[in-house]
Amino acid sequence: MNKKILVTGGTGYIGSHTAVELQNCGYEAVIVDNLSNSNENVIDGITKITGIRPAFYKTDCNDKNALEEVIKAHPDIQGIIHFAASKAVGESVEQPLKYYRNNIVSLINLLELIPVYNIKAFVFSSSCTVYGQPEMLPVAENAPIKPAISPYGNTKQISEEIIRDTIHSGAKFNSIILRYFNPIGAHPSAEIGELPIGVPQNLVPLLTQAAAGIREVLNVFGDDYDTPDGSCIRDYINVVDLAKAHVVAIERILNDRSETHLETFNLGTGRGISVFELIDIFEKATGMKVPYKITGRREGDIETVWADPTYANETLGWKTEETLEDTLRSAWKWQEKINQNLHSPEKCTSAE
């Protein structure tokens, strides 16, 4: 029997790609998602890629009773990968209470249910935002955790503290926290990718929409940062590479390879790329022009950050494989698929 893994937020961008990689590696994914920022049609995309239709429940992780009913229906769940959360930095500044409720209550519900159902492994989706604006680059796991710049970043810091305190109290499960940098791209099949409901909050969907003519221009938030070209610098990681890291993390716990009850890893490429560099690489990789304009800085944005992935490379045995060029081509292929579906009666399998 395949090992069952509960994937919260599993119709979302990273969650859906992780469900694919889990099923490709012989696991059985059980997906819960409230569809607040994704579409149930993504389950069709996962099925087309893997040949297996995962169990899906339209469930809000803030509803503990409903969440428990899902776990009761699958008493052999061995691990949880927790993605379900609100995740836009700018929106969190405007709607902080939404972020504190969604991101923290859902986590507490899961941590309370884990011992009741003897679940062994908990992998948490965290973020490089916990480092704030780092003093030294690249960022290693032992870098200081600075005061959060946004409510979103603060929810990730608080969530990590909650997990740490729970483990320290003697909880009978192991956990891995994955702090990842900036996921981009789409599955090479173009069956799943990044398409949030409403206006995207991330750079690459806005970039591809501008290239496709769906948006007049891509807004670049600031060109006066203390960087070589004045734009923010990030570590852009292929979403499939990122998804594979979650499978490696679950396997590490379930196969009793964890060195401690709680481990933390940075997931990135180790390469910092500016917004203007990303636009240039996209244009060269795809042959598409990206119209853009400079606007004011966006509150909550960090100036410069990229990962030191050495610990994940050496200890997890994981590393990124896809080039930035191929990753951006996959994002464009996904955008073309979306464009086709906009002009056909079939719905696209959107995910965010």
Protein backbone atom coordinates (compact mmCIF):
# COMPACT_ATOMS: atom_id res chain seq x y z
CA MET A 1 0.00 0.00 0.00
CA ASN A 2 1.30 3.46 -0.90
CA LYS A 3 2.07 5.81 1.97
CA LYS A 4 -0.52 8.56 2.31
CA ILE A 5 0.48 12.18 2.66
CA LEU A 6 -2.00 14.96 3.47
CA VAL A 7 -1.26 18.03 1.35
CA THR A 8 -2.98 21.18 2.61
CA GLY A 9 -3.37 23.88 0.00
CA GLY A 10 -2.84 21.12 -2.53
CA THR A 11 -4.63 22.77 -5.44
CA GLY A 12 -2.37 25.80 -5.06
CA TYR A 13 0.75 26.57 -7.02
CA ILE A 14 3.44 24.78 -5.02
CA GLY A 15 1.01 22.31 -3.45
CA SER A 16 -0.19 20.98 -6.80
CA HIS A 17 3.35 20.49 -8.11
CA THR A 18 4.25 18.71 -4.87
CA ALA A 19 1.22 16.42 -5.19
CA VAL A 20 2.50 15.46 -8.65
CA GLU A 21 5.98 14.66 -7.34
CA LEU A 22 4.58 12.69 -4.42
CA GLN A 23 2.49 10.53 -6.73
CA ASN A 24 5.39 10.13 -9.16
CA CYS A 25 7.42 8.76 -6.23
CA GLY A 26 4.77 6.24 -5.21
CA TYR A 27 3.02 8.20 -2.47
CA GLU A 28 -0.74 8.73 -2.30
CA ALA A 29 -1.65 12.41 -2.02
CA VAL A 30 -4.76 13.44 -0.09
CA ILE A 31 -5.49 17.07 -0.91
CA VAL A 32 -7.42 19.63 1.11
CA ASP A 33 -7.96 23.18 -0.10
CA ASN A 34 -10.70 25.75 0.42
CA LEU A 35 -10.23 27.02 -3.18
CA SER A 36 -9.95 30.62 -1.99
CA ASN A 37 -7.10 31.23 -4.42
CA SER A 38 -7.18 28.24 -6.76
CA ASN A 39 -9.45 26.11 -8.91
CA GLU A 40 -10.61 22.53 -8.42
CA ASN A 41 -9.79 21.88 -12.08
CA VAL A 42 -6.14 21.59 -11.06
CA ILE A 43 -6.99 18.08 -9.85
CA ASP A 44 -7.56 17.22 -13.52
CA GLY A 45 -4.09 18.52 -14.33
CA ILE A 46 -2.49 16.42 -11.60
CA THR A 47 -4.39 13.39 -12.90
CA LYS A 48 -3.28 13.96 -16.50
CA ILE A 49 0.37 14.20 -15.46
CA THR A 50 0.49 11.25 -13.05
CA GLY A 51 -2.31 9.01 -14.26
CA ILE A 52 -3.65 8.97 -10.69
CA ARG A 53 -6.52 11.08 -9.37
CA PRO A 54 -5.76 12.21 -5.83
CA ALA A 55 -8.45 12.33 -3.18
CA PHE A 56 -9.65 15.92 -2.88
CA TYR A 57 -11.66 17.67 -0.16
CA LYS A 58 -12.87 21.24 -0.36
CA THR A 59 -12.00 21.99 3.23
CA ASP A 60 -10.80 25.05 5.10
CA CYS A 61 -7.95 24.23 7.46
CA ASN A 62 -9.29 26.84 9.86
CA ASP A 63 -12.29 24.54 10.37
CA LYS A 64 -10.80 21.98 12.74
CA ASN A 65 -13.84 19.70 12.74
CA ALA A 66 -13.92 19.50 8.95
CA LEU A 67 -10.19 18.91 8.83
CA GLU A 68 -10.49 16.11 11.36
CA GLU A 69 -13.19 14.44 9.26
CA VAL A 70 -10.73 14.24 6.35
CA ILE A 71 -8.07 12.67 8.54
CA LYS A 72 -10.61 10.22 9.98
CA ALA A 73 -11.47 9.15 6.43
CA HIS A 74 -7.78 8.36 5.87
CA PRO A 75 -6.50 6.94 9.17
CA ASP A 76 -3.32 5.69 7.48
CA ILE A 77 -2.00 9.20 6.72
CA GLN A 78 1.66 9.15 7.73
CA GLY A 79 2.71 12.70 6.99
CA ILE A 80 1.44 16.22 6.37
CA ILE A 81 2.87 18.88 4.06
CA HIS A 82 1.32 22.17 5.08
CA PHE A 83 1.04 24.80 2.34
CA ALA A 84 -2.40 26.27 3.06
CA ALA A 85 -1.90 29.95 3.85
CA SER A 86 -2.41 33.45 2.53
CA LYS A 87 0.88 34.50 0.99
CA ALA A 88 0.98 37.92 -0.68
CA VAL A 89 3.28 40.43 1.04
CA GLY A 90 1.45 43.51 -0.21
CA GLU A 91 -1.99 42.18 0.65
CA SER A 92 -0.82 41.23 4.13
CA VAL A 93 0.08 44.86 4.80
CA GLU A 94 -3.44 45.87 3.80
CA GLN A 95 -5.26 42.96 5.49
CA PRO A 96 -3.12 41.80 8.42
CA LEU A 97 -5.93 40.11 10.38
CA LYS A 98 -6.78 37.89 7.43
CA TYR A 99 -3.18 36.67 7.42
CA TYR A 100 -2.94 36.06 11.15
CA ARG A 101 -6.21 34.11 11.15
CA ASN A 102 -5.58 32.03 8.03
CA ASN A 103 -1.93 31.25 8.59
CA ILE A 104 -1.76 30.65 12.32
CA VAL A 105 -5.11 29.06 13.19
CA SER A 106 -4.73 26.48 10.40
CA LEU A 107 -1.31 25.50 11.72
CA ILE A 108 -2.52 25.11 15.31
CA ASN A 109 -5.43 22.93 14.16
CA LEU A 110 -3.04 20.56 12.38
CA LEU A 111 -0.59 20.40 15.27
CA GLU A 112 -3.44 19.52 17.65
CA LEU A 113 -4.67 16.74 15.35
CA ILE A 114 -1.26 15.17 14.64
CA PRO A 115 -0.88 13.34 18.00
CA VAL A 116 -4.52 12.22 18.01
CA TYR A 117 -3.95 10.29 14.78
CA ASN A 118 -0.32 9.27 15.33
CA ILE A 119 1.01 11.12 12.29
CA LYS A 120 4.81 10.86 12.13
CA ALA A 121 5.94 13.65 9.81
CA PHE A 122 5.15 17.33 9.42
CA VAL A 123 6.74 19.45 6.68
CA PHE A 124 6.06 23.17 6.89
CA SER A 125 6.09 25.64 4.04
CA SER A 126 8.05 28.62 5.33
CA SER A 127 9.80 31.49 3.58
CA CYS A 128 13.01 33.46 3.32
CA THR A 129 10.95 36.42 4.55
CA VAL A 130 11.75 35.24 8.09
CA TYR A 131 15.26 36.67 7.62
CA GLY A 132 13.99 40.18 6.85
CA GLN A 133 16.71 42.16 5.08
CA PRO A 134 19.80 40.02 5.77
CA GLU A 135 23.06 41.59 6.89
CA MET A 136 25.12 39.03 4.95
CA LEU A 137 24.49 37.32 1.62
CA PRO A 138 23.94 34.59 0.66
CA VAL A 139 21.65 33.64 3.55
CA ALA A 140 22.41 30.50 5.56
CA GLU A 141 20.05 28.84 8.03
CA ASN A 142 21.93 30.27 11.00
CA ALA A 143 21.34 33.87 9.88
CA PRO A 144 19.55 36.02 12.46
CA ILE A 145 15.76 36.10 12.35
CA LYS A 146 15.00 39.81 12.15
CA PRO A 147 11.78 41.69 12.88
CA ALA A 148 9.37 40.94 10.05
CA ILE A 149 8.85 43.59 7.39
CA SER A 150 5.29 42.43 6.61
CA PRO A 151 2.45 40.64 8.43
CA TYR A 152 2.93 37.74 6.01
CA GLY A 153 6.56 37.42 7.08
CA ASN A 154 5.53 37.68 10.71
CA THR A 155 3.05 34.81 10.35
CA LYS A 156 5.87 32.63 9.05
CA GLN A 157 8.11 33.60 11.97
CA ILE A 158 5.33 32.94 14.47
CA SER A 159 4.45 29.64 12.80
CA GLU A 160 8.05 28.46 13.03
CA GLU A 161 8.10 29.38 16.72
CA ILE A 162 4.86 27.46 17.30
CA ILE A 163 6.30 24.35 15.63
CA ARG A 164 9.54 24.70 17.60
CA ASP A 165 7.71 25.03 20.90
CA THR A 166 5.45 22.08 20.08
CA ILE A 167 8.42 19.84 19.27
CA HIS A 168 10.25 21.03 22.41
CA SER A 169 7.24 20.11 24.55
CA GLY A 170 7.81 16.45 23.68
CA ALA A 171 5.42 16.00 20.75
CA LYS A 172 5.77 12.56 19.18
CA PHE A 173 6.43 13.63 15.62
CA ASN A 174 9.34 15.06 13.63
CA SER A 175 9.18 18.19 11.55
CA ILE A 176 11.14 19.85 8.76
CA ILE A 177 10.77 23.55 8.05
CA LEU A 178 11.54 24.52 4.45
CA ARG A 179 12.38 28.19 3.97
CA TYR A 180 12.14 28.80 0.29
CA PHE A 181 12.94 31.73 -1.81
CA ASN A 182 11.01 32.71 -4.98
CA PRO A 183 9.27 29.83 -6.78
CA ILE A 184 8.61 30.43 -10.48
CA GLY A 185 7.81 28.45 -13.61
CA ALA A 186 5.33 25.66 -14.29
CA HIS A 187 5.22 21.93 -14.86
CA PRO A 188 6.85 21.20 -18.26
CA SER A 189 3.61 19.57 -19.42
CA ALA A 190 1.80 22.92 -18.96
CA GLU A 191 -1.01 21.00 -17.25
CA ILE A 192 -0.51 22.93 -14.00
CA GLY A 193 1.10 26.27 -13.22
CA GLU A 194 0.70 29.56 -11.43
CA LEU A 195 -2.57 31.42 -11.97
CA PRO A 196 -4.12 33.00 -8.89
CA ILE A 197 -7.70 34.18 -8.71
CA GLY A 198 -7.81 37.91 -9.45
CA VAL A 199 -4.70 40.04 -9.86
CA PRO A 200 -1.45 38.07 -9.40
CA GLN A 201 0.78 39.13 -6.52
CA ASN A 202 3.96 37.50 -7.83
CA LEU A 203 6.34 38.83 -10.46
CA VAL A 204 6.41 36.10 -13.11
CA PRO A 205 2.63 35.76 -13.73
CA LEU A 206 2.46 39.54 -14.10
CA LEU A 207 5.45 39.41 -16.44
CA THR A 208 3.97 36.70 -18.67
CA GLN A 209 0.61 38.47 -18.75
CA ALA A 210 2.34 41.66 -19.90
CA ALA A 211 4.20 39.70 -22.58
CA ALA A 212 0.90 38.15 -23.68
CA GLY A 213 -0.81 41.52 -23.92
CA ILE A 214 -3.25 40.73 -21.12
CA ARG A 215 -1.72 43.62 -19.18
CA GLU A 216 -0.54 46.84 -20.78
CA VAL A 217 2.68 46.84 -18.79
CA LEU A 218 4.53 45.11 -15.98
CA ASN A 219 4.91 47.41 -12.99
CA VAL A 220 8.43 47.33 -11.56
CA PHE A 221 8.21 48.41 -7.94
CA GLY A 222 11.20 50.71 -7.57
CA ASP A 223 14.44 51.28 -9.46
CA ASP A 224 16.25 53.18 -6.70
CA TYR A 225 17.34 50.32 -4.44
CA ASP A 226 20.99 49.92 -3.51
CA THR A 227 21.59 47.24 -6.14
CA PRO A 228 23.60 47.29 -9.39
CA ASP A 229 20.57 48.19 -11.53
CA GLY A 230 18.32 49.67 -8.83
CA SER A 231 15.75 46.86 -8.78
CA CYS A 232 15.18 44.23 -6.09
CA ILE A 233 17.22 41.04 -6.17
CA ARG A 234 15.74 37.60 -5.49
CA ASP A 235 16.64 33.92 -5.73
CA TYR A 236 14.26 32.40 -8.30
CA ILE A 237 13.76 28.64 -7.94
CA ASN A 238 11.97 26.31 -10.34
CA VAL A 239 8.69 25.14 -8.81
CA VAL A 240 9.26 21.49 -9.80
CA ASP A 241 12.70 21.52 -8.17
CA LEU A 242 11.05 23.00 -5.09
CA ALA A 243 8.28 20.39 -5.09
CA LYS A 244 10.85 17.59 -5.20
CA ALA A 245 12.46 18.96 -2.04
CA HIS A 246 9.21 18.39 -0.14
CA VAL A 247 9.20 14.74 -1.17
CA VAL A 248 12.81 14.39 -0.03
CA ALA A 249 11.88 16.00 3.31
CA ILE A 250 8.95 13.64 3.91
CA GLU A 251 11.09 10.63 3.02
CA ARG A 252 13.82 11.84 5.39
CA ILE A 253 11.42 11.82 8.33
CA LEU A 254 9.53 8.64 7.45
CA ASN A 255 12.80 6.75 6.92
CA ASP A 256 14.15 7.98 10.29
CA ARG A 257 17.06 9.88 8.79
CA SER A 258 16.38 13.15 10.64
CA GLU A 259 19.27 14.20 12.88
CA THR A 260 16.97 16.03 15.30
CA HIS A 261 13.22 16.26 15.88
CA LEU A 262 13.16 19.61 14.06
CA GLU A 263 15.30 20.55 11.07
CA THR A 264 15.31 23.69 8.95
CA PHE A 265 16.56 24.06 5.38
CA ASN A 266 16.87 26.92 2.90
CA LEU A 267 15.69 26.06 -0.60
CA GLY A 268 17.12 28.20 -3.35
CA THR A 269 19.60 28.27 -6.21
CA GLY A 270 22.27 30.36 -4.51
CA ARG A 271 22.03 32.95 -7.28
CA GLY A 272 20.58 36.44 -6.93
CA ILE A 273 18.78 37.88 -9.95
CA SER A 274 17.38 41.41 -10.22
CA VAL A 275 13.96 42.22 -11.63
CA PHE A 276 15.52 43.84 -14.70
CA GLU A 277 17.81 40.84 -15.21
CA LEU A 278 14.82 38.50 -15.01
CA ILE A 279 12.97 40.50 -17.65
CA ASP A 280 16.01 40.38 -19.92
CA ILE A 281 16.52 36.63 -19.47
CA PHE A 282 12.82 35.99 -20.14
CA GLU A 283 12.90 38.03 -23.36
CA LYS A 284 15.98 36.19 -24.62
CA ALA A 285 14.65 32.74 -23.62
CA THR A 286 11.20 33.17 -25.19
CA GLY A 287 11.64 35.84 -27.86
CA MET A 288 8.77 37.78 -26.30
CA LYS A 289 8.96 41.46 -25.38
CA VAL A 290 7.88 42.57 -21.90
CA PRO A 291 6.56 46.15 -21.72
CA TYR A 292 7.18 47.60 -18.27
CA LYS A 293 7.15 50.84 -16.32
CA ILE A 294 8.79 51.93 -13.10
CA THR A 295 6.46 52.66 -10.19
CA GLY A 296 7.06 53.45 -6.52
CA ARG A 297 8.42 50.97 -4.05
CA ARG A 298 5.95 48.49 -2.56
CA GLU A 299 5.65 48.40 1.21
CA GLY A 300 6.98 45.19 2.72
CA ASP A 301 9.43 44.36 -0.08
CA ILE A 302 12.94 43.29 0.91
CA GLU A 303 15.74 44.85 -1.13
CA THR A 304 18.09 41.93 -1.68
CA VAL A 305 18.01 38.28 -0.68
CA TRP A 306 19.29 34.99 -2.02
CA ALA A 307 20.00 31.61 -0.49
CA ASP A 308 23.00 29.65 0.61
CA PRO A 309 21.60 26.18 -0.24
CA THR A 310 24.69 24.28 0.92
CA TYR A 311 23.02 22.67 3.94
CA ALA A 312 20.07 21.41 1.87
CA ASN A 313 22.42 20.21 -0.86
CA GLU A 314 24.65 18.26 1.52
CA THR A 315 22.22 17.09 4.21
CA LEU A 316 18.97 16.59 2.31
CA GLY A 317 20.77 15.44 -0.82
CA TRP A 318 18.66 17.88 -2.82
CA LYS A 319 19.67 20.56 -5.29
CA THR A 320 18.08 22.58 -8.07
CA GLU A 321 18.40 21.14 -11.55
CA GLU A 322 16.48 23.39 -13.95
CA THR A 323 18.08 26.42 -15.57
CA LEU A 324 16.48 29.83 -15.20
CA GLU A 325 16.01 29.98 -18.96
CA ASP A 326 14.10 26.69 -19.06
CA THR A 327 12.10 27.73 -16.02
CA LEU A 328 11.00 30.95 -17.70
CA ARG A 329 10.18 29.08 -20.89
CA SER A 330 7.93 26.77 -18.85
CA ALA A 331 6.20 29.84 -17.38
CA TRP A 332 5.59 31.16 -20.89
CA LYS A 333 4.34 27.77 -22.11
CA TRP A 334 1.86 27.79 -19.23
CA GLN A 335 0.77 31.32 -20.15
CA GLU A 336 0.18 30.19 -23.74
CA LYS A 337 -1.96 27.32 -22.42
CA ILE A 338 -3.99 29.80 -20.38
CA ASN A 339 -4.45 31.99 -23.45
CA GLN A 340 -5.72 29.02 -25.46
CA ASN A 341 -8.20 28.10 -22.74
CA LEU A 342 -9.50 31.64 -22.60
CA HIS A 343 -10.65 31.13 -26.17
CA SER A 344 -11.96 27.59 -25.78
CA PRO A 345 -14.93 26.11 -23.91
CA GLU A 346 -12.60 24.06 -21.67
CA LYS A 347 -11.45 25.51 -18.38
CA CYS A 348 -7.77 25.79 -17.69
CA THR A 349 -6.34 23.99 -14.67
CA SER A 350 -5.25 27.09 -12.82
CA ALA A 351 -3.36 26.98 -9.58
CA GLU A 352 -1.85 29.45 -7.16
